[in-house]
Structures are given as structure tokens and as C-alpha cells.
Amino acid sequence: MSMPSGMELLLIFGIIVLMFGSKKIPELAKGLGQGIKSFKKEMKSDEVEDATIKTAQTDAPKKVEPTGTAATTEAPKTTHQA
């Protein structure tokens, strides 16, 4: 599928003007531009967030479990006699 020629673009633009009116077109273009800008901004922030998460996961210290004898930190249980 090829790009539309000059005459086809003129026809498409003419239909858009008839449908929306010449005063509404700048508002539509502005809204479209803001939408694209916000989409690109969110994509960049997602990429930065993903990179930060990956870095945090690889840089996090790993928990080392003691091997051999089991050391407990529980206090000894005592019984109270009344």
C-alpha cells in the first residue's frame, strides 16, 4: 500500500473540513498532539522505572542462610509457679 497522492490528500482534508468545520480542526490537532506527547512521556517513564527495578534487583544483597548448627534467637521458655 503506497502513500496517498496530492489529490487524495486534498480530498481527505476536504472531507475532514466538511465533517468538523474549520474552527474545530485546530482543537482536534492540539488534542492529538497532547495525547501523543503524554504517551511518549509515559513510555519513557516506564522504561526508566523498568531499568530502576532491574538495577535494584541485581544490586540487592542476597540473604545468606547459616549452615551446619542451627542457631536460634528464641529466649528459653520458663515456667512460673504460683
PDB file of N, CA and C in Angstrom:
ATOM      1  N   MET A   1       0.848  -1.170   0.000  1.00  0.00           N
ATOM      2  CA  MET A   1       0.000   0.000   0.000  1.00  0.00           C
ATOM      3  C   MET A   1       0.895   1.235   0.000  1.00  0.00           C
ATOM      4  N   SER A   2       0.651   2.124  -0.936  1.00  0.00           N
ATOM      5  CA  SER A   2       1.508   3.302  -1.072  1.00  0.00           C
ATOM      6  C   SER A   2       0.891   4.527  -0.396  1.00  0.00           C
ATOM      7  N   MET A   3       1.682   5.564  -0.283  1.00  0.00           N
ATOM      8  CA  MET A   3       1.218   6.819   0.311  1.00  0.00           C
ATOM      9  C   MET A   3       0.203   7.474  -0.632  1.00  0.00           C
ATOM     10  N   PRO A   4      -0.784   8.167  -0.039  1.00  0.00           N
ATOM     11  CA  PRO A   4      -1.756   8.856  -0.897  1.00  0.00           C
ATOM     12  C   PRO A   4      -1.100  10.007  -1.670  1.00  0.00           C
ATOM     13  N   SER A   5      -1.565  10.205  -2.891  1.00  0.00           N
ATOM     14  CA  SER A   5      -1.008  11.283  -3.714  1.00  0.00           C
ATOM     15  C   SER A   5      -1.577  12.626  -3.264  1.00  0.00           C
ATOM     16  N   GLY A   6      -1.147  13.697  -3.912  1.00  0.00           N
ATOM     17  CA  GLY A   6      -1.579  15.042  -3.557  1.00  0.00           C
ATOM     18  C   GLY A   6      -3.083  15.230  -3.677  1.00  0.00           C
ATOM     19  N   MET A   7      -3.669  14.705  -4.751  1.00  0.00           N
ATOM     20  CA  MET A   7      -5.111  14.855  -4.954  1.00  0.00           C
ATOM     21  C   MET A   7      -5.894  14.080  -3.888  1.00  0.00           C
ATOM     22  N   GLU A   8      -5.416  12.900  -3.527  1.00  0.00           N
ATOM     23  CA  GLU A   8      -6.100  12.105  -2.488  1.00  0.00           C
ATOM     24  C   GLU A   8      -6.023  12.793  -1.131  1.00  0.00           C
ATOM     25  N   LEU A   9      -4.861  13.388  -0.805  1.00  0.00           N
ATOM     26  CA  LEU A   9      -4.721  14.121   0.453  1.00  0.00           C
ATOM     27  C   LEU A   9      -5.650  15.330   0.501  1.00  0.00           C
ATOM     28  N   LEU A  10      -5.770  16.024  -0.625  1.00  0.00           N
ATOM     29  CA  LEU A  10      -6.671  17.172  -0.701  1.00  0.00           C
ATOM     30  C   LEU A  10      -8.119  16.749  -0.485  1.00  0.00           C
ATOM     31  N   LEU A  11      -8.506  15.638  -1.064  1.00  0.00           N
ATOM     32  CA  LEU A  11      -9.863  15.112  -0.899  1.00  0.00           C
ATOM     33  C   LEU A  11     -10.117  14.718   0.561  1.00  0.00           C
ATOM     34  N   ILE A  12      -9.155  14.051   1.198  1.00  0.00           N
ATOM     35  CA  ILE A  12      -9.292  13.660   2.604  1.00  0.00           C
ATOM     36  C   ILE A  12      -9.409  14.890   3.489  1.00  0.00           C
ATOM     37  N   PHE A  13      -8.554  15.886   3.255  1.00  0.00           N
ATOM     38  CA  PHE A  13      -8.612  17.129   4.036  1.00  0.00           C
ATOM     39  C   PHE A  13      -9.950  17.839   3.841  1.00  0.00           C
ATOM     40  N   GLY A  14     -10.461  17.867   2.603  1.00  0.00           N
ATOM     41  CA  GLY A  14     -11.761  18.489   2.328  1.00  0.00           C
ATOM     42  C   GLY A  14     -12.888  17.802   3.083  1.00  0.00           C
ATOM     43  N   ILE A  15     -12.870  16.483   3.153  1.00  0.00           N
ATOM     44  CA  ILE A  15     -13.903  15.736   3.896  1.00  0.00           C
ATOM     45  C   ILE A  15     -13.816  16.046   5.383  1.00  0.00           C
ATOM     46  N   ILE A  16     -12.606  16.138   5.912  1.00  0.00           N
ATOM     47  CA  ILE A  16     -12.425  16.455   7.338  1.00  0.00           C
ATOM     48  C   ILE A  16     -12.964  17.841   7.649  1.00  0.00           C
ATOM     49  N   VAL A  17     -12.696  18.815   6.753  1.00  0.00           N
ATOM     50  CA  VAL A  17     -13.198  20.179   6.965  1.00  0.00           C
ATOM     51  C   VAL A  17     -14.725  20.181   6.944  1.00  0.00           C
ATOM     52  N   LEU A  18     -15.323  19.442   6.025  1.00  0.00           N
ATOM     53  CA  LEU A  18     -16.784  19.379   5.955  1.00  0.00           C
ATOM     54  C   LEU A  18     -17.387  18.723   7.201  1.00  0.00           C
ATOM     55  N   MET A  19     -16.715  17.700   7.727  1.00  0.00           N
ATOM     56  CA  MET A  19     -17.262  16.963   8.885  1.00  0.00           C
ATOM     57  C   MET A  19     -17.147  17.780  10.178  1.00  0.00           C
ATOM     58  N   PHE A  20     -15.987  18.397  10.404  1.00  0.00           N
ATOM     59  CA  PHE A  20     -15.734  19.033  11.695  1.00  0.00           C
ATOM     60  C   PHE A  20     -15.816  20.562  11.662  1.00  0.00           C
ATOM     61  N   GLY A  21     -15.675  21.164  10.525  1.00  0.00           N
ATOM     62  CA  GLY A  21     -15.668  22.620  10.448  1.00  0.00           C
ATOM     63  C   GLY A  21     -14.259  23.142  10.634  1.00  0.00           C
ATOM     64  N   SER A  22     -13.979  24.306  10.052  1.00  0.00           N
ATOM     65  CA  SER A  22     -12.617  24.831  10.061  1.00  0.00           C
ATOM     66  C   SER A  22     -12.181  25.319  11.441  1.00  0.00           C
ATOM     67  N   LYS A  23     -13.107  25.652  12.314  1.00  0.00           N
ATOM     68  CA  LYS A  23     -12.729  26.132  13.651  1.00  0.00           C
ATOM     69  C   LYS A  23     -12.413  24.984  14.611  1.00  0.00           C
ATOM     70  N   LYS A  24     -12.953  23.822  14.352  1.00  0.00           N
ATOM     71  CA  LYS A  24     -12.759  22.690  15.248  1.00  0.00           C
ATOM     72  C   LYS A  24     -11.451  21.934  14.960  1.00  0.00           C
ATOM     73  N   ILE A  25     -10.926  22.055  13.750  1.00  0.00           N
ATOM     74  CA  ILE A  25      -9.728  21.304  13.356  1.00  0.00           C
ATOM     75  C   ILE A  25      -8.508  21.651  14.217  1.00  0.00           C
ATOM     76  N   PRO A  26      -8.204  22.931  14.504  1.00  0.00           N
ATOM     77  CA  PRO A  26      -7.039  23.214  15.370  1.00  0.00           C
ATOM     78  C   PRO A  26      -7.185  22.600  16.769  1.00  0.00           C
ATOM     79  N   GLU A  27      -8.416  22.584  17.296  1.00  0.00           N
ATOM     80  CA  GLU A  27      -8.626  21.962  18.611  1.00  0.00           C
ATOM     81  C   GLU A  27      -8.370  20.458  18.553  1.00  0.00           C
ATOM     82  N   LEU A  28      -8.817  19.819  17.472  1.00  0.00           N
ATOM     83  CA  LEU A  28      -8.577  18.376  17.313  1.00  0.00           C
ATOM     84  C   LEU A  28      -7.084  18.080  17.177  1.00  0.00           C
ATOM     85  N   ALA A  29      -6.385  18.901  16.394  1.00  0.00           N
ATOM     86  CA  ALA A  29      -4.939  18.703  16.214  1.00  0.00           C
ATOM     87  C   ALA A  29      -4.192  18.914  17.530  1.00  0.00           C
ATOM     88  N   LYS A  30      -4.608  19.913  18.305  1.00  0.00           N
ATOM     89  CA  LYS A  30      -3.973  20.179  19.596  1.00  0.00           C
ATOM     90  C   LYS A  30      -4.178  18.999  20.550  1.00  0.00           C
ATOM     91  N   GLY A  31      -5.384  18.479  20.593  1.00  0.00           N
ATOM     92  CA  GLY A  31      -5.679  17.319  21.444  1.00  0.00           C
ATOM     93  C   GLY A  31      -4.885  16.093  21.030  1.00  0.00           C
ATOM     94  N   LEU A  32      -4.765  15.882  19.718  1.00  0.00           N
ATOM     95  CA  LEU A  32      -3.986  14.751  19.206  1.00  0.00           C
ATOM     96  C   LEU A  32      -2.514  14.899  19.577  1.00  0.00           C
ATOM     97  N   GLY A  33      -1.985  16.113  19.430  1.00  0.00           N
ATOM     98  CA  GLY A  33      -0.584  16.366  19.784  1.00  0.00           C
ATOM     99  C   GLY A  33      -0.313  16.156  21.261  1.00  0.00           C
ATOM    100  N   GLN A  34      -1.230  16.623  22.119  1.00  0.00           N
ATOM    101  CA  GLN A  34      -1.069  16.433  23.562  1.00  0.00           C
ATOM    102  C   GLN A  34      -1.147  14.952  23.930  1.00  0.00           C
ATOM    103  N   GLY A  35      -2.018  14.222  23.250  1.00  0.00           N
ATOM    104  CA  GLY A  35      -2.125  12.784  23.510  1.00  0.00           C
ATOM    105  C   GLY A  35      -0.853  12.044  23.154  1.00  0.00           C
ATOM    106  N   ILE A  36      -0.281  12.380  22.010  1.00  0.00           N
ATOM    107  CA  ILE A  36       0.968  11.741  21.583  1.00  0.00           C
ATOM    108  C   ILE A  36       2.101  12.106  22.536  1.00  0.00           C
ATOM    109  N   LYS A  37       2.148  13.371  22.943  1.00  0.00           N
ATOM    110  CA  LYS A  37       3.201  13.832  23.860  1.00  0.00           C
ATOM    111  C   LYS A  37       3.109  13.102  25.202  1.00  0.00           C
ATOM    112  N   SER A  38       1.891  12.970  25.734  1.00  0.00           N
ATOM    113  CA  SER A  38       1.727  12.292  27.017  1.00  0.00           C
ATOM    114  C   SER A  38       2.046  10.801  26.901  1.00  0.00           C
ATOM    115  N   PHE A  39       1.698  10.199  25.759  1.00  0.00           N
ATOM    116  CA  PHE A  39       2.016   8.788  25.535  1.00  0.00           C
ATOM    117  C   PHE A  39       3.523   8.561  25.526  1.00  0.00           C
ATOM    118  N   LYS A  40       4.249   9.423  24.817  1.00  0.00           N
ATOM    119  CA  LYS A  40       5.711   9.297  24.772  1.00  0.00           C
ATOM    120  C   LYS A  40       6.328   9.497  26.147  1.00  0.00           C
ATOM    121  N   LYS A  41       5.777  10.448  26.914  1.00  0.00           N
ATOM    122  CA  LYS A  41       6.285  10.716  28.266  1.00  0.00           C
ATOM    123  C   LYS A  41       6.095   9.492  29.160  1.00  0.00           C
ATOM    124  N   GLU A  42       4.936   8.864  29.086  1.00  0.00           N
ATOM    125  CA  GLU A  42       4.668   7.665  29.887  1.00  0.00           C
ATOM    126  C   GLU A  42       5.559   6.501  29.467  1.00  0.00           C
ATOM    127  N   MET A  43       5.817   6.371  28.178  1.00  0.00           N
ATOM    128  CA  MET A  43       6.690   5.296  27.707  1.00  0.00           C
ATOM    129  C   MET A  43       8.106   5.486  28.251  1.00  0.00           C
ATOM    130  N   LYS A  44       8.592   6.729  28.264  1.00  0.00           N
ATOM    131  CA  LYS A  44       9.930   6.993  28.798  1.00  0.00           C
ATOM    132  C   LYS A  44       9.984   6.716  30.292  1.00  0.00           C
ATOM    133  N   SER A  45       8.952   7.113  31.033  1.00  0.00           N
ATOM    134  CA  SER A  45       8.958   6.894  32.479  1.00  0.00           C
ATOM    135  C   SER A  45       8.860   5.400  32.794  1.00  0.00           C
ATOM    136  N   ASP A  46       8.136   4.627  31.963  1.00  0.00           N
ATOM    137  CA  ASP A  46       8.067   3.184  32.168  1.00  0.00           C
ATOM    138  C   ASP A  46       9.427   2.541  31.923  1.00  0.00           C
ATOM    139  N   GLU A  47      10.158   3.021  30.890  1.00  0.00           N
ATOM    140  CA  GLU A  47      11.480   2.475  30.612  1.00  0.00           C
ATOM    141  C   GLU A  47      12.434   2.763  31.765  1.00  0.00           C
ATOM    142  N   VAL A  48      12.385   3.977  32.300  1.00  0.00           N
ATOM    143  CA  VAL A  48      13.248   4.346  33.429  1.00  0.00           C
ATOM    144  C   VAL A  48      12.879   3.516  34.650  1.00  0.00           C
ATOM    145  N   GLU A  49      11.575   3.344  34.888  1.00  0.00           N
ATOM    146  CA  GLU A  49      11.117   2.564  36.041  1.00  0.00           C
ATOM    147  C   GLU A  49      11.547   1.108  35.913  1.00  0.00           C
ATOM    148  N   ASP A  50      11.421   0.530  34.708  1.00  0.00           N
ATOM    149  CA  ASP A  50      11.846  -0.848  34.496  1.00  0.00           C
ATOM    150  C   ASP A  50      13.346  -1.006  34.724  1.00  0.00           C
ATOM    151  N   ALA A  51      14.133  -0.053  34.244  1.00  0.00           N
ATOM    152  CA  ALA A  51      15.582  -0.114  34.428  1.00  0.00           C
ATOM    153  C   ALA A  51      15.939   0.009  35.904  1.00  0.00           C
ATOM    154  N   THR A  52      15.219   0.868  36.632  1.00  0.00           N
ATOM    155  CA  THR A  52      15.473   1.043  38.066  1.00  0.00           C
ATOM    156  C   THR A  52      15.153  -0.240  38.824  1.00  0.00           C
ATOM    157  N   ILE A  53      14.053  -0.871  38.475  1.00  0.00           N
ATOM    158  CA  ILE A  53      13.665  -2.117  39.149  1.00  0.00           C
ATOM    159  C   ILE A  53      14.700  -3.208  38.876  1.00  0.00           C
ATOM    160  N   LYS A  54      15.142  -3.334  37.621  1.00  0.00           N
ATOM    161  CA  LYS A  54      16.128  -4.356  37.281  1.00  0.00           C
ATOM    162  C   LYS A  54      17.441  -4.104  38.015  1.00  0.00           C
ATOM    163  N   THR A  55      17.857  -2.842  38.108  1.00  0.00           N
ATOM    164  CA  THR A  55      19.082  -2.498  38.812  1.00  0.00           C
ATOM    165  C   THR A  55      18.955  -2.812  40.293  1.00  0.00           C
ATOM    166  N   ALA A  56      17.816  -2.483  40.876  1.00  0.00           N
ATOM    167  CA  ALA A  56      17.600  -2.739  42.295  1.00  0.00           C
ATOM    168  C   ALA A  56      17.598  -4.234  42.582  1.00  0.00           C
ATOM    169  N   GLN A  57      17.053  -5.018  41.680  1.00  0.00           N
ATOM    170  CA  GLN A  57      17.008  -6.463  41.892  1.00  0.00           C
ATOM    171  C   GLN A  57      18.394  -7.083  41.789  1.00  0.00           C
ATOM    172  N   THR A  58      19.223  -6.595  40.890  1.00  0.00           N
ATOM    173  CA  THR A  58      20.552  -7.181  40.737  1.00  0.00           C
ATOM    174  C   THR A  58      21.520  -6.672  41.790  1.00  0.00           C
ATOM    175  N   ASP A  59      21.305  -5.454  42.306  1.00  0.00           N
ATOM    176  CA  ASP A  59      22.205  -4.885  43.302  1.00  0.00           C
ATOM    177  C   ASP A  59      21.834  -5.274  44.732  1.00  0.00           C
ATOM    178  N   ALA A  60      20.668  -5.835  44.939  1.00  0.00           N
ATOM    179  CA  ALA A  60      20.219  -6.160  46.292  1.00  0.00           C
ATOM    180  C   ALA A  60      21.088  -7.271  46.877  1.00  0.00           C
ATOM    181  N   PRO A  61      21.502  -7.129  48.135  1.00  0.00           N
ATOM    182  CA  PRO A  61      22.294  -8.200  48.747  1.00  0.00           C
ATOM    183  C   PRO A  61      21.434  -9.439  48.949  1.00  0.00           C
ATOM    184  N   LYS A  62      22.059 -10.564  48.797  1.00  0.00           N
ATOM    185  CA  LYS A  62      21.330 -11.816  48.952  1.00  0.00           C
ATOM    186  C   LYS A  62      21.436 -12.284  50.390  1.00  0.00           C
ATOM    187  N   LYS A  63      20.359 -12.852  50.885  1.00  0.00           N
ATOM    188  CA  LYS A  63      20.308 -13.342  52.248  1.00  0.00           C
ATOM    189  C   LYS A  63      21.058 -14.666  52.319  1.00  0.00           C
ATOM    190  N   VAL A  64      21.978 -14.741  53.256  1.00  0.00           N
ATOM    191  CA  VAL A  64      22.781 -15.948  53.416  1.00  0.00           C
ATOM    192  C   VAL A  64      22.244 -16.717  54.612  1.00  0.00           C
ATOM    193  N   GLU A  65      21.875 -17.949  54.376  1.00  0.00           N
ATOM    194  CA  GLU A  65      21.369 -18.809  55.443  1.00  0.00           C
ATOM    195  C   GLU A  65      22.542 -19.519  56.104  1.00  0.00           C
ATOM    196  N   PRO A  66      22.584 -19.554  57.439  1.00  0.00           N
ATOM    197  CA  PRO A  66      23.678 -20.281  58.104  1.00  0.00           C
ATOM    198  C   PRO A  66      23.528 -21.782  57.875  1.00  0.00           C
ATOM    199  N   THR A  67      24.640 -22.441  57.724  1.00  0.00           N
ATOM    200  CA  THR A  67      24.620 -23.885  57.532  1.00  0.00           C
ATOM    201  C   THR A  67      25.284 -24.546  58.725  1.00  0.00           C
ATOM    202  N   GLY A  68      25.071 -25.806  58.871  1.00  0.00           N
ATOM    203  CA  GLY A  68      25.672 -26.523  59.999  1.00  0.00           C
ATOM    204  C   GLY A  68      24.747 -26.492  61.195  1.00  0.00           C
ATOM    205  N   THR A  69      25.222 -25.959  62.326  1.00  0.00           N
ATOM    206  CA  THR A  69      24.405 -25.921  63.531  1.00  0.00           C
ATOM    207  C   THR A  69      23.351 -24.842  63.412  1.00  0.00           C
ATOM    208  N   ALA A  70      22.200 -25.141  63.938  1.00  0.00           N
ATOM    209  CA  ALA A  70      21.092 -24.188  63.872  1.00  0.00           C
ATOM    210  C   ALA A  70      21.175 -23.263  65.081  1.00  0.00           C
ATOM    211  N   ALA A  71      21.364 -22.015  64.837  1.00  0.00           N
ATOM    212  CA  ALA A  71      21.415 -21.043  65.926  1.00  0.00           C
ATOM    213  C   ALA A  71      20.039 -20.411  66.044  1.00  0.00           C
ATOM    214  N   THR A  72      19.472 -20.458  67.241  1.00  0.00           N
ATOM    215  CA  THR A  72      18.162 -19.850  67.444  1.00  0.00           C
ATOM    216  C   THR A  72      18.318 -18.635  68.320  1.00  0.00           C
ATOM    217  N   THR A  73      17.449 -17.685  68.097  1.00  0.00           N
ATOM    218  CA  THR A  73      17.489 -16.473  68.898  1.00  0.00           C
ATOM    219  C   THR A  73      16.324 -16.403  69.862  1.00  0.00           C
ATOM    220  N   GLU A  74      15.621 -17.502  70.022  1.00  0.00           N
ATOM    221  CA  GLU A  74      14.490 -17.525  70.936  1.00  0.00           C
ATOM    222  C   GLU A  74      14.982 -17.559  72.382  1.00  0.00           C
ATOM    223  N   ALA A  75      14.249 -16.903  73.269  1.00  0.00           N
ATOM    224  CA  ALA A  75      14.580 -16.934  74.682  1.00  0.00           C
ATOM    225  C   ALA A  75      14.148 -18.272  75.263  1.00  0.00           C
ATOM    226  N   PRO A  76      14.863 -18.777  76.251  1.00  0.00           N
ATOM    227  CA  PRO A  76      14.453 -20.064  76.842  1.00  0.00           C
ATOM    228  C   PRO A  76      13.102 -19.932  77.518  1.00  0.00           C
ATOM    229  N   LYS A  77      12.314 -20.974  77.393  1.00  0.00           N
ATOM    230  CA  LYS A  77      10.972 -20.963  77.990  1.00  0.00           C
ATOM    231  C   LYS A  77      11.083 -21.264  79.476  1.00  0.00           C
ATOM    232  N   THR A  78      10.378 -20.484  80.270  1.00  0.00           N
ATOM    233  CA  THR A  78      10.378 -20.702  81.707  1.00  0.00           C
ATOM    234  C   THR A  78       8.958 -20.942  82.171  1.00  0.00           C
ATOM    235  N   THR A  79       8.837 -21.682  83.222  1.00  0.00           N
ATOM    236  CA  THR A  79       7.506 -21.911  83.802  1.00  0.00           C
ATOM    237  C   THR A  79       7.422 -21.154  85.115  1.00  0.00           C
ATOM    238  N   HIS A  80       6.310 -20.570  85.344  1.00  0.00           N
ATOM    239  CA  HIS A  80       6.092 -19.795  86.580  1.00  0.00           C
ATOM    240  C   HIS A  80       5.205 -20.612  87.496  1.00  0.00           C
ATOM    241  N   GLN A  81       5.660 -20.756  88.723  1.00  0.00           N
ATOM    242  CA  GLN A  81       4.853 -21.475  89.717  1.00  0.00           C
ATOM    243  C   GLN A  81       4.313 -20.460  90.702  1.00  0.00           C
ATOM    244  N   ALA A  82       3.051 -20.584  91.007  1.00  0.00           N
ATOM    245  CA  ALA A  82       2.450 -19.661  91.941  1.00  0.00           C
ATOM    246  C   ALA A  82       2.183 -20.283  93.267  1.00  0.00           C
TER     247      ALA A  82
END
